[in-house]
Each structure stands twice: as structure tokens, then as C-alpha cells.
C-alpha atoms as a PDB file:
ATOM      1  CA  MET A   1      11.326 -29.663  50.939  1.00  0.00           C
ATOM      2  CA  ALA A   2       9.892 -33.184  51.188  1.00  0.00           C
ATOM      3  CA  SER A   3      12.223 -35.944  51.975  1.00  0.00           C
ATOM      4  CA  LYS A   4      12.739 -38.550  49.320  1.00  0.00           C
ATOM      5  CA  THR A   5      11.790 -42.230  49.833  1.00  0.00           C
ATOM      6  CA  ASN A   6      13.910 -44.875  48.371  1.00  0.00           C
ATOM      7  CA  PRO A   7      12.261 -47.125  45.656  1.00  0.00           C
ATOM      8  CA  PHE A   8      12.125 -50.213  47.905  1.00  0.00           C
ATOM      9  CA  ALA A   9      10.380 -48.388  50.747  1.00  0.00           C
ATOM     10  CA  PHE A  10       8.080 -46.831  48.210  1.00  0.00           C
ATOM     11  CA  LEU A  11       7.083 -50.227  46.856  1.00  0.00           C
ATOM     12  CA  GLN A  12       6.474 -51.539  50.371  1.00  0.00           C
ATOM     13  CA  GLN A  13       4.205 -48.577  51.048  1.00  0.00           C
ATOM     14  CA  VAL A  14       2.348 -49.150  47.825  1.00  0.00           C
ATOM     15  CA  ARG A  15       1.844 -52.839  48.671  1.00  0.00           C
ATOM     16  CA  ALA A  16       0.612 -51.939  52.186  1.00  0.00           C
ATOM     17  CA  GLU A  17      -1.920 -49.391  50.781  1.00  0.00           C
ATOM     18  CA  THR A  18      -3.102 -51.799  48.067  1.00  0.00           C
ATOM     19  CA  SER A  19      -3.855 -54.488  50.674  1.00  0.00           C
ATOM     20  CA  LYS A  20      -6.223 -51.970  52.377  1.00  0.00           C
ATOM     21  CA  VAL A  21      -8.338 -51.602  49.189  1.00  0.00           C
ATOM     22  CA  THR A  22     -11.765 -53.273  49.237  1.00  0.00           C
ATOM     23  CA  TRP A  23     -11.985 -54.786  45.743  1.00  0.00           C
ATOM     24  CA  PRO A  24     -15.430 -55.261  44.209  1.00  0.00           C
ATOM     25  CA  SER A  25     -16.628 -58.799  43.640  1.00  0.00           C
ATOM     26  CA  ARG A  26     -17.117 -60.186  40.158  1.00  0.00           C
ATOM     27  CA  ARG A  27     -20.929 -59.754  40.505  1.00  0.00           C
ATOM     28  CA  GLU A  28     -20.571 -56.083  41.633  1.00  0.00           C
ATOM     29  CA  THR A  29     -18.260 -55.411  38.703  1.00  0.00           C
ATOM     30  CA  MET A  30     -20.649 -57.046  36.210  1.00  0.00           C
ATOM     31  CA  ILE A  31     -23.714 -55.128  37.606  1.00  0.00           C
ATOM     32  CA  SER A  32     -21.763 -51.834  37.483  1.00  0.00           C
ATOM     33  CA  THR A  33     -20.650 -52.525  33.941  1.00  0.00           C
ATOM     34  CA  LEU A  34     -24.230 -53.388  32.900  1.00  0.00           C
ATOM     35  CA  MET A  35     -25.601 -50.174  34.577  1.00  0.00           C
ATOM     36  CA  VAL A  36     -22.942 -48.044  32.716  1.00  0.00           C
ATOM     37  CA  LEU A  37     -23.764 -49.645  29.385  1.00  0.00           C
ATOM     38  CA  VAL A  38     -27.538 -49.071  29.917  1.00  0.00           C
ATOM     39  CA  MET A  39     -26.918 -45.362  30.861  1.00  0.00           C
ATOM     40  CA  VAL A  40     -24.670 -44.849  27.810  1.00  0.00           C
ATOM     41  CA  ILE A  41     -27.291 -46.310  25.476  1.00  0.00           C
ATOM     42  CA  LEU A  42     -30.076 -44.186  27.065  1.00  0.00           C
ATOM     43  CA  ALA A  43     -27.892 -41.042  26.811  1.00  0.00           C
ATOM     44  CA  ALA A  44     -27.014 -41.839  23.172  1.00  0.00           C
ATOM     45  CA  ALA A  45     -30.705 -42.336  22.328  1.00  0.00           C
ATOM     46  CA  PHE A  46     -31.694 -39.136  23.994  1.00  0.00           C
ATOM     47  CA  PHE A  47     -29.022 -37.036  22.314  1.00  0.00           C
ATOM     48  CA  PHE A  48     -29.765 -38.647  18.885  1.00  0.00           C
ATOM     49  CA  ALA A  49     -33.432 -37.866  19.321  1.00  0.00           C
ATOM     50  CA  ALA A  50     -32.702 -34.291  20.512  1.00  0.00           C
ATOM     51  CA  ASP A  51     -30.371 -33.791  17.480  1.00  0.00           C
ATOM     52  CA  GLN A  52     -32.963 -35.113  15.043  1.00  0.00           C
ATOM     53  CA  LEU A  53     -35.632 -32.838  16.563  1.00  0.00           C
ATOM     54  CA  LEU A  54     -33.428 -29.761  16.551  1.00  0.00           C
ATOM     55  CA  GLY A  55     -32.308 -30.491  13.007  1.00  0.00           C
ATOM     56  CA  TRP A  56     -35.871 -30.802  11.855  1.00  0.00           C
ATOM     57  CA  LEU A  57     -36.863 -27.546  13.585  1.00  0.00           C
ATOM     58  CA  VAL A  58     -33.956 -25.654  12.033  1.00  0.00           C
ATOM     59  CA  GLY A  59     -34.830 -27.042   8.657  1.00  0.00           C
ATOM     60  CA  LEU A  60     -38.431 -25.913   9.126  1.00  0.00           C
ATOM     61  CA  VAL A  61     -37.304 -22.400  10.147  1.00  0.00           C
ATOM     62  CA  LEU A  62     -34.876 -22.127   7.213  1.00  0.00           C
ATOM     63  CA  ASN A  63     -37.464 -23.288   4.682  1.00  0.00           C
ATOM     64  CA  VAL A  64     -39.968 -20.704   5.842  1.00  0.00           C
ATOM     65  CA  GLY A  65     -37.581 -17.866   5.008  1.00  0.00           C
ATOM     66  CA  GLY A  66     -37.039 -19.086   1.458  1.00  0.00           C
END
């Protein structure tokens, strides 16, 4: 069974680990955010086009049978 750490020691460990983190700069954060937004817009456009195409094809097939 693992030993329990008291809350004060735990907070000290968290603070020590947080100080080791390399935080991104404001510029890196803005570029990453922009890249994510562009990829989301491209993915949305692709899936919208695919949905429209498949819907048109299904409508074409269903109308042929009638």
C-alpha cells in the first residue's frame, strides 16, 4: 500500500513540479491557436462537402428506384 503524503508536502511537490514546466510564449500560444482554428475550419468544410455529396448521391439512388 502506498504511503500517504500530507497536504502541505503535496502542495510543495506540486509547486516544485510546476516550476519545471516550460511554458509556451504568448507568440507560440497565438500561433498554435491559429493553427487549430484553421484545421477546424478545413475539417468542417471537408465534412460539410462530403455530407452534401453523399446526400446528393443517396437522393439520386433513391429517385431512380421510384
